[in-house]
């Protein structure tokens, strides 16, 4: 083959190759445009989020020819009063929600405590049953729980014959004055034993006990106090919940008049406030095993009410009921109660009429027109030989028989 013919064939092949290459590139370009157009032109779905009002305003401004600077000026120039109004509305809504949640928590705690009381066989008063059937709860002035033990039958009888009304008078006190008084006791280590049966027989005769789901024992007073307030809160809706020992003399009318003065305060802790030493030495009375938590040796406790008698308002009883599973217990009951409130916004009221001495102390004060709420002997942490002496204390320092019916609460 001549060189000329050979060159023509190479040129022809090269031309064909360039031609097909061009066609393939053009086809790829067209296909790419078609594919890209299909990808970007997706039909709008009804479920897609629509732009917010602010986004719509921005789009409108952009369409009207406003640049980024104009947009910024428009947003900065929003009325501050409107902004503050929106913030205030949000804050008020949050506060309302918090109050609603707190109210629901208290109602839930009360319902839970009532359910536990029923489950554990704790008695419920006729008033509670009646109000539950009517779907409402009566508000009482105060619930007075007299802390007692299995061995204190004589003390209970002495109280029944002095400052605690009996029978119809006690029922009348509840209905007309809104004052509930009960002896508070749990059960023995062997539930259903002779000790429990003796209390059941005594309660059947007098009907003045509040039984707790609690094992009785001197070292368990802190736990008993917590259970008492939780149970009392679930059974009766009252302004105040009072705890008193069964060797203390109480003037009920004076106690009611004292508490009424603090009725409008939400979180009140009333008693004779003291601050005793933290005892680290083993074997002594009131020894505190957790003394190291209160600082160096020789330190004193924070202020707290003496254990003979104190009162707390409804909100604090609710707090104990709601948080009973996480409240820590110290060795001494009065210290324990004070510890539960030390970190809360609580008003401590130190009223020395709640810790008068026995005659002649309470007698002199009564003659001066300053009737005592409670009387006992500090040396005995109660009335010494109370079963024998409480009648004398009542005769010399007690209120007139009709004082409670004349009192206005």
Protein backbone atom coordinates (compact mmCIF):
# COMPACT_ATOMS: atom_id res chain seq x y z
CA UNK A 1 0.00 0.00 0.00
CA UNK A 2 1.28 3.39 -0.91
CA UNK A 3 2.02 5.93 1.83
CA UNK A 4 -0.66 8.26 0.54
CA UNK A 5 -3.45 5.69 0.84
CA UNK A 6 -2.25 4.68 4.30
CA UNK A 7 -2.36 8.31 5.52
CA UNK A 8 -5.89 8.77 4.19
CA UNK A 9 -7.11 5.71 6.12
CA UNK A 10 -5.56 6.99 9.40
CA UNK A 11 -7.14 10.41 8.91
CA UNK A 12 -10.55 8.80 8.26
CA UNK A 13 -10.34 6.72 11.41
CA UNK A 14 -9.26 9.72 13.46
CA UNK A 15 -12.14 11.79 12.13
CA UNK A 16 -14.65 9.07 12.94
CA UNK A 17 -13.26 8.71 16.43
CA UNK A 18 -13.48 12.45 17.16
CA UNK A 19 -17.01 12.53 15.75
CA UNK A 20 -18.25 9.77 18.04
CA UNK A 21 -16.48 11.28 21.00
CA UNK A 22 -18.25 14.58 20.42
CA UNK A 23 -21.62 12.86 20.12
CA UNK A 24 -21.09 10.89 23.34
CA UNK A 25 -20.09 14.03 25.25
CA UNK A 26 -23.13 15.92 23.97
CA UNK A 27 -25.42 13.04 24.92
CA UNK A 28 -23.92 12.88 28.42
CA UNK A 29 -24.43 16.61 28.85
CA UNK A 30 -28.08 16.39 27.87
CA UNK A 31 -28.67 13.43 30.12
CA UNK A 32 -27.03 15.26 33.02
CA UNK A 33 -29.28 18.29 32.58
CA UNK A 34 -32.34 16.08 32.39
CA UNK A 35 -31.34 14.13 35.51
CA UNK A 36 -30.47 17.25 37.51
CA UNK A 37 -33.76 18.87 36.62
CA UNK A 38 -35.62 15.78 37.83
CA UNK A 39 -33.69 15.76 41.10
CA UNK A 40 -34.26 19.42 41.99
CA UNK A 41 -37.88 19.76 40.89
CA UNK A 42 -39.37 17.59 43.68
CA UNK A 43 -43.07 18.26 44.21
CA UNK A 44 -43.90 19.95 47.53
CA UNK A 45 -45.27 17.54 50.12
CA UNK A 46 -48.17 18.46 52.33
CA UNK A 47 -46.24 17.10 55.33
CA UNK A 48 -43.25 19.41 54.87
CA UNK A 49 -42.76 22.09 57.54
CA UNK A 50 -43.90 25.49 56.43
CA UNK A 51 -41.76 28.54 57.14
CA UNK A 52 -42.41 30.27 60.43
CA UNK A 53 -43.83 33.77 60.63
CA UNK A 54 -40.34 35.20 61.10
CA UNK A 55 -39.02 33.27 58.08
CA UNK A 56 -41.99 34.44 55.99
CA UNK A 57 -41.28 38.05 56.93
CA UNK A 58 -37.64 37.64 55.96
CA UNK A 59 -38.58 36.15 52.57
CA UNK A 60 -41.03 38.98 51.96
CA UNK A 61 -38.41 41.59 52.77
CA UNK A 62 -35.90 39.91 50.49
CA UNK A 63 -38.45 39.79 47.66
CA UNK A 64 -39.05 43.52 48.15
CA UNK A 65 -35.37 44.19 47.62
CA UNK A 66 -34.23 44.55 51.24
CA UNK A 67 -30.64 43.55 51.82
CA UNK A 68 -29.02 41.96 54.91
CA UNK A 69 -28.47 45.39 56.50
CA UNK A 70 -32.16 46.30 56.24
CA UNK A 71 -33.11 42.90 57.65
CA UNK A 72 -30.84 43.43 60.64
CA UNK A 73 -32.29 46.89 61.32
CA UNK A 74 -35.84 45.52 61.13
CA UNK A 75 -35.05 42.80 63.69
CA UNK A 76 -33.17 45.10 66.06
CA UNK A 77 -35.97 47.68 66.03
CA UNK A 78 -38.57 45.25 67.43
CA UNK A 79 -40.51 46.85 70.31
CA UNK A 80 -38.82 46.00 73.65
CA UNK A 81 -42.18 46.21 75.44
CA UNK A 82 -43.47 43.42 73.24
CA UNK A 83 -40.41 41.31 74.02
CA UNK A 84 -40.76 41.92 77.79
CA UNK A 85 -44.44 41.08 77.56
CA UNK A 86 -43.69 37.76 75.89
CA UNK A 87 -41.01 36.94 78.49
CA UNK A 88 -43.41 37.84 81.33
CA UNK A 89 -46.15 35.63 79.89
CA UNK A 90 -43.73 32.73 79.60
CA UNK A 91 -42.52 33.25 83.19
CA UNK A 92 -46.08 33.37 84.53
CA UNK A 93 -46.97 30.22 82.61
CA UNK A 94 -43.98 28.41 84.11
CA UNK A 95 -44.91 29.54 87.63
CA UNK A 96 -48.50 28.37 87.16
CA UNK A 97 -47.24 25.02 85.90
CA UNK A 98 -44.91 24.67 88.92
CA UNK A 99 -47.77 25.38 91.33
CA UNK A 100 -49.99 22.87 89.55
CA UNK A 101 -47.27 20.21 89.71
CA UNK A 102 -46.67 20.89 93.43
CA UNK A 103 -50.39 20.64 94.16
CA UNK A 104 -50.66 17.39 92.25
CA UNK A 105 -47.62 16.02 94.07
CA UNK A 106 -49.20 16.80 97.46
CA UNK A 107 -52.51 15.23 96.44
CA UNK A 108 -50.68 12.19 95.09
CA UNK A 109 -48.68 11.86 98.31
CA UNK A 110 -51.84 12.09 100.39
CA UNK A 111 -53.59 9.51 98.23
CA UNK A 112 -50.56 7.22 98.36
CA UNK A 113 -50.32 7.51 102.15
CA UNK A 114 -54.03 6.83 102.51
CA UNK A 115 -53.72 3.80 100.28
CA UNK A 116 -50.78 2.50 102.30
CA UNK A 117 -52.72 3.04 105.52
CA UNK A 118 -55.64 1.04 104.16
CA UNK A 119 -53.35 -1.67 102.80
CA UNK A 120 -51.52 -2.00 106.11
CA UNK A 121 -54.72 -2.17 108.10
CA UNK A 122 -54.48 1.28 109.70
CA UNK A 123 -57.91 2.50 110.80
CA UNK A 124 -59.54 5.42 109.04
CA UNK A 125 -61.87 7.68 111.00
CA UNK A 126 -65.56 7.87 110.19
CA UNK A 127 -65.12 11.50 109.12
CA UNK A 128 -62.46 10.47 106.62
CA UNK A 129 -64.66 7.69 105.21
CA UNK A 130 -67.62 10.06 104.95
CA UNK A 131 -65.61 12.76 103.19
CA UNK A 132 -64.07 10.23 100.82
CA UNK A 133 -67.54 9.06 99.82
CA UNK A 134 -68.56 12.69 99.22
CA UNK A 135 -65.37 13.29 97.26
CA UNK A 136 -64.11 15.99 99.60
CA UNK A 137 -61.97 16.52 102.69
CA UNK A 138 -62.87 18.66 105.68
CA UNK A 139 -60.23 21.14 106.86
CA UNK A 140 -59.49 20.81 110.59
CA UNK A 141 -57.64 23.25 112.81
CA UNK A 142 -55.16 20.75 114.21
CA UNK A 143 -54.35 17.11 114.70
CA UNK A 144 -52.78 16.37 118.10
CA UNK A 145 -50.86 13.10 118.21
CA UNK A 146 -49.94 11.90 121.71
CA UNK A 147 -46.85 9.74 121.42
CA UNK A 148 -47.29 6.69 123.66
CA UNK A 149 -45.92 3.18 124.26
CA UNK A 150 -47.31 -0.23 125.15
CA UNK A 151 -46.23 0.19 128.77
CA UNK A 152 -47.92 3.58 129.24
CA UNK A 153 -51.49 2.55 130.02
CA UNK A 154 -51.54 4.49 133.32
CA UNK A 155 -50.27 7.63 131.60
CA UNK A 156 -52.99 7.38 128.96
CA UNK A 157 -55.69 6.94 131.60
CA UNK A 158 -54.39 9.99 133.50
CA UNK A 159 -54.60 12.08 130.31
CA UNK A 160 -58.12 10.82 129.64
CA UNK A 161 -59.21 12.04 133.07
CA UNK A 162 -57.56 15.47 132.72
CA UNK A 163 -56.98 17.42 129.48
CA UNK A 164 -58.21 15.02 126.78
CA UNK A 165 -62.04 15.04 126.33
CA UNK A 166 -63.71 11.66 126.17
CA UNK A 167 -66.67 10.10 124.38
CA UNK A 168 -69.21 12.55 122.97
CA UNK A 169 -67.16 15.54 124.13
CA UNK A 170 -64.23 14.43 121.98
CA UNK A 171 -66.49 13.94 118.96
CA UNK A 172 -68.04 17.35 119.58
CA UNK A 173 -64.53 18.84 119.76
CA UNK A 174 -63.77 17.40 116.34
CA UNK A 175 -67.03 18.51 114.74
CA UNK A 176 -67.36 21.99 116.24
CA UNK A 177 -63.77 23.06 116.83
CA UNK A 178 -61.92 20.98 114.24
CA UNK A 179 -59.52 19.47 116.79
CA UNK A 180 -58.47 15.83 116.44
CA UNK A 181 -56.74 14.17 119.43
CA UNK A 182 -55.35 10.63 119.23
CA UNK A 183 -52.85 8.43 121.04
CA UNK A 184 -50.21 7.40 118.48
CA UNK A 185 -48.71 3.93 118.56
CA UNK A 186 -47.37 1.33 116.12
CA UNK A 187 -47.22 -2.42 116.58
CA UNK A 188 -44.91 -4.83 118.39
CA UNK A 189 -42.09 -6.80 116.80
CA UNK A 190 -44.40 -9.81 116.77
CA UNK A 191 -47.45 -8.31 115.08
CA UNK A 192 -50.70 -9.64 116.50
CA UNK A 193 -49.12 -10.60 119.82
CA UNK A 194 -50.38 -9.90 123.32
CA UNK A 195 -49.19 -6.27 123.27
CA UNK A 196 -51.08 -5.51 120.06
CA UNK A 197 -54.20 -7.25 121.34
CA UNK A 198 -54.15 -5.18 124.54
CA UNK A 199 -54.03 -1.95 122.49
CA UNK A 200 -56.86 -3.19 120.28
CA UNK A 201 -59.00 -3.87 123.35
CA UNK A 202 -58.18 -0.43 124.78
CA UNK A 203 -59.00 1.23 121.46
CA UNK A 204 -62.28 -0.66 121.26
CA UNK A 205 -63.23 0.79 124.63
CA UNK A 206 -62.12 4.41 124.05
CA UNK A 207 -61.72 4.77 120.26
CA UNK A 208 -58.87 7.26 120.65
CA UNK A 209 -55.88 5.57 118.96
CA UNK A 210 -54.13 6.15 115.68
CA UNK A 211 -52.23 3.00 114.73
CA UNK A 212 -49.09 3.30 112.63
CA UNK A 213 -47.28 0.93 110.33
CA UNK A 214 -44.25 1.10 112.61
CA UNK A 215 -42.40 -1.25 114.97
CA UNK A 216 -42.30 0.31 118.45
CA UNK A 217 -38.93 0.86 120.13
CA UNK A 218 -37.13 3.68 121.96
CA UNK A 219 -34.40 3.87 119.32
CA UNK A 220 -37.05 4.20 116.61
CA UNK A 221 -38.64 7.47 117.74
CA UNK A 222 -37.33 9.39 114.72
CA UNK A 223 -38.89 6.87 112.34
CA UNK A 224 -42.13 6.93 114.34
CA UNK A 225 -42.31 10.72 114.12
CA UNK A 226 -41.91 10.61 110.35
CA UNK A 227 -44.58 7.93 110.03
CA UNK A 228 -46.93 9.85 112.33
CA UNK A 229 -46.85 13.06 110.29
CA UNK A 230 -47.18 11.18 107.00
CA UNK A 231 -50.13 9.13 108.27
CA UNK A 232 -51.88 12.05 109.95
CA UNK A 233 -51.53 14.14 106.79
CA UNK A 234 -53.12 11.37 104.73
CA UNK A 235 -56.03 10.92 107.14
CA UNK A 236 -56.93 14.51 108.03
CA UNK A 237 -56.50 17.78 106.18
CA UNK A 238 -55.52 20.22 108.93
CA UNK A 239 -53.85 23.60 109.33
CA UNK A 240 -51.44 22.21 111.95
CA UNK A 241 -50.09 18.85 113.08
CA UNK A 242 -48.94 18.59 116.70
CA UNK A 243 -46.83 16.00 118.45
CA UNK A 244 -46.84 15.75 122.25
CA UNK A 245 -45.50 13.18 124.71
CA UNK A 246 -47.84 11.26 127.01
CA UNK A 247 -46.24 12.70 130.18
CA UNK A 248 -46.98 16.35 129.34
CA UNK A 249 -49.97 18.43 130.43
CA UNK A 250 -51.61 20.44 127.61
CA UNK A 251 -54.21 23.20 127.64
CA UNK A 252 -56.03 22.53 124.38
CA UNK A 253 -57.86 25.86 124.10
CA UNK A 254 -54.65 27.84 124.66
CA UNK A 255 -52.83 25.66 122.14
CA UNK A 256 -55.54 26.33 119.55
CA UNK A 257 -55.49 30.08 120.15
CA UNK A 258 -51.69 30.05 119.84
CA UNK A 259 -51.67 28.20 116.53
CA UNK A 260 -54.43 30.33 115.00
CA UNK A 261 -52.16 33.37 115.24
CA UNK A 262 -49.82 31.74 112.72
CA UNK A 263 -52.51 30.33 110.45
CA UNK A 264 -51.69 32.54 107.46
CA UNK A 265 -48.01 31.64 107.43
CA UNK A 266 -47.30 28.83 104.94
CA UNK A 267 -44.35 27.01 106.54
CA UNK A 268 -44.32 27.28 110.34
CA UNK A 269 -42.37 25.27 112.93
CA UNK A 270 -43.51 26.11 116.48
CA UNK A 271 -41.99 25.01 119.76
CA UNK A 272 -39.53 25.82 122.50
CA UNK A 273 -36.34 26.21 120.50
CA UNK A 274 -33.09 24.99 122.00
CA UNK A 275 -29.54 24.11 120.95
CA UNK A 276 -28.04 21.34 123.07
CA UNK A 277 -24.55 19.82 122.83
CA UNK A 278 -23.76 17.05 120.36
CA UNK A 279 -22.80 14.10 122.57
CA UNK A 280 -20.10 11.93 121.02
CA UNK A 281 -19.40 9.73 124.04
CA UNK A 282 -20.90 6.25 123.77
CA UNK A 283 -23.12 4.94 126.51
CA UNK A 284 -24.53 8.31 127.60
CA UNK A 285 -28.16 9.33 127.13
CA UNK A 286 -28.85 11.18 123.86
CA UNK A 287 -25.59 9.91 122.34
CA UNK A 288 -25.32 10.91 118.68
CA UNK A 289 -23.54 8.22 116.60
CA UNK A 290 -23.23 10.65 113.69
CA UNK A 291 -21.69 13.39 115.85
CA UNK A 292 -18.91 13.94 113.29
CA UNK A 293 -21.44 15.46 110.87
CA UNK A 294 -21.96 18.40 113.21
CA UNK A 295 -18.36 19.59 113.23
CA UNK A 296 -15.71 19.40 115.92
CA UNK A 297 -16.21 17.83 119.36
CA UNK A 298 -18.02 20.19 121.71
CA UNK A 299 -20.20 21.74 119.01
CA UNK A 300 -23.92 22.34 119.54
CA UNK A 301 -26.87 21.36 117.39
CA UNK A 302 -28.70 23.89 115.25
CA UNK A 303 -31.84 25.39 116.80
CA UNK A 304 -34.72 22.94 117.02
CA UNK A 305 -37.88 22.47 119.07
CA UNK A 306 -37.84 20.37 122.23
CA UNK A 307 -39.42 16.97 121.80
CA UNK A 308 -42.08 17.32 124.50
CA UNK A 309 -44.41 19.33 122.26
CA UNK A 310 -44.13 21.03 118.87
CA UNK A 311 -46.36 21.88 115.92
CA UNK A 312 -45.82 22.15 112.19
CA UNK A 313 -48.04 23.66 109.52
CA UNK A 314 -49.75 21.76 106.73
CA UNK A 315 -47.08 22.50 104.10
CA UNK A 316 -44.35 21.00 106.28
CA UNK A 317 -46.43 17.89 107.00
CA UNK A 318 -46.95 17.59 103.25
CA UNK A 319 -43.19 17.93 102.70
CA UNK A 320 -42.52 15.06 105.14
CA UNK A 321 -45.19 12.91 103.51
CA UNK A 322 -43.82 13.46 100.00
CA UNK A 323 -40.15 13.00 100.92
CA UNK A 324 -40.45 10.44 103.73
CA UNK A 325 -38.38 7.84 101.87
CA UNK A 326 -35.30 10.10 101.61
CA UNK A 327 -35.41 12.02 104.91
CA UNK A 328 -32.47 11.06 107.10
CA UNK A 329 -33.01 10.01 110.72
CA UNK A 330 -30.63 10.93 113.54
CA UNK A 331 -30.56 9.29 116.96
CA UNK A 332 -32.65 11.99 118.64
CA UNK A 333 -36.17 12.64 117.39
CA UNK A 334 -36.27 16.39 118.04
CA UNK A 335 -32.91 16.90 116.29
CA UNK A 336 -34.14 14.82 113.36
CA UNK A 337 -37.23 16.98 112.81
CA UNK A 338 -35.15 20.15 113.02
CA UNK A 339 -32.68 18.74 110.48
CA UNK A 340 -35.47 18.15 107.95
CA UNK A 341 -36.34 21.86 108.00
CA UNK A 342 -32.90 23.43 108.33
CA UNK A 343 -32.43 23.87 104.59
CA UNK A 344 -35.99 25.00 103.85
CA UNK A 345 -37.65 28.39 103.90
CA UNK A 346 -39.30 27.75 107.28
CA UNK A 347 -40.37 30.21 109.98
CA UNK A 348 -39.10 29.04 113.38
CA UNK A 349 -41.30 30.32 116.22
CA UNK A 350 -39.89 30.09 119.73
CA UNK A 351 -42.85 30.20 122.14
CA UNK A 352 -41.85 29.58 125.76
CA UNK A 353 -45.46 28.94 126.80
CA UNK A 354 -45.04 25.52 125.21
CA UNK A 355 -42.49 24.50 127.86
CA UNK A 356 -43.65 25.83 131.23
CA UNK A 357 -42.69 24.08 134.43
CA UNK A 358 -45.08 22.27 136.72
CA UNK A 359 -46.59 24.13 139.72
CA UNK A 360 -45.79 26.63 141.00
CA UNK A 361 -44.28 27.89 137.68
CA UNK A 362 -47.36 27.40 135.46
CA UNK A 363 -49.61 28.48 138.33
CA UNK A 364 -47.87 31.84 138.74
CA UNK A 365 -48.02 32.47 135.02
CA UNK A 366 -51.74 31.63 134.89
CA UNK A 367 -52.43 34.06 137.75
CA UNK A 368 -50.58 36.74 135.77
CA UNK A 369 -52.87 36.12 132.79
CA UNK A 370 -50.27 34.21 130.76
CA UNK A 371 -51.75 30.71 130.62
CA UNK A 372 -49.26 28.01 129.59
CA UNK A 373 -49.83 25.75 126.61
CA UNK A 374 -47.85 22.84 128.05
CA UNK A 375 -46.26 22.04 131.40
CA UNK A 376 -43.60 19.48 132.36
CA UNK A 377 -40.39 19.05 134.37
CA UNK A 378 -37.13 19.55 132.49
CA UNK A 379 -35.33 17.16 134.84
CA UNK A 380 -37.60 14.31 133.74
CA UNK A 381 -38.18 15.47 130.12
CA UNK A 382 -41.84 15.34 131.10
CA UNK A 383 -43.91 15.45 134.27
CA UNK A 384 -42.07 13.44 136.90
CA UNK A 385 -44.30 10.49 137.90
CA UNK A 386 -46.88 11.87 135.48
CA UNK A 387 -49.46 9.14 136.03
CA UNK A 388 -49.75 10.26 139.66
CA UNK A 389 -49.01 13.99 139.39
CA UNK A 390 -50.78 15.11 136.21
CA UNK A 391 -54.09 15.51 138.05
CA UNK A 392 -52.49 17.98 140.43
CA UNK A 393 -50.92 19.88 137.50
CA UNK A 394 -54.32 19.97 135.78
CA UNK A 395 -56.06 21.22 138.90
CA UNK A 396 -53.59 24.05 139.50
CA UNK A 397 -52.58 24.97 135.93
CA UNK A 398 -55.37 23.67 133.75
CA UNK A 399 -57.95 25.77 131.90
CA UNK A 400 -61.54 26.17 133.11
CA UNK A 401 -63.64 23.22 132.03
CA UNK A 402 -65.58 25.20 129.41
CA UNK A 403 -62.55 27.13 128.07
CA UNK A 404 -62.34 25.08 124.89
CA UNK A 405 -66.00 25.73 124.03
CA UNK A 406 -65.62 29.49 124.52
CA UNK A 407 -62.44 29.68 122.46
CA UNK A 408 -62.76 31.21 118.99
CA UNK A 409 -60.61 29.68 116.28
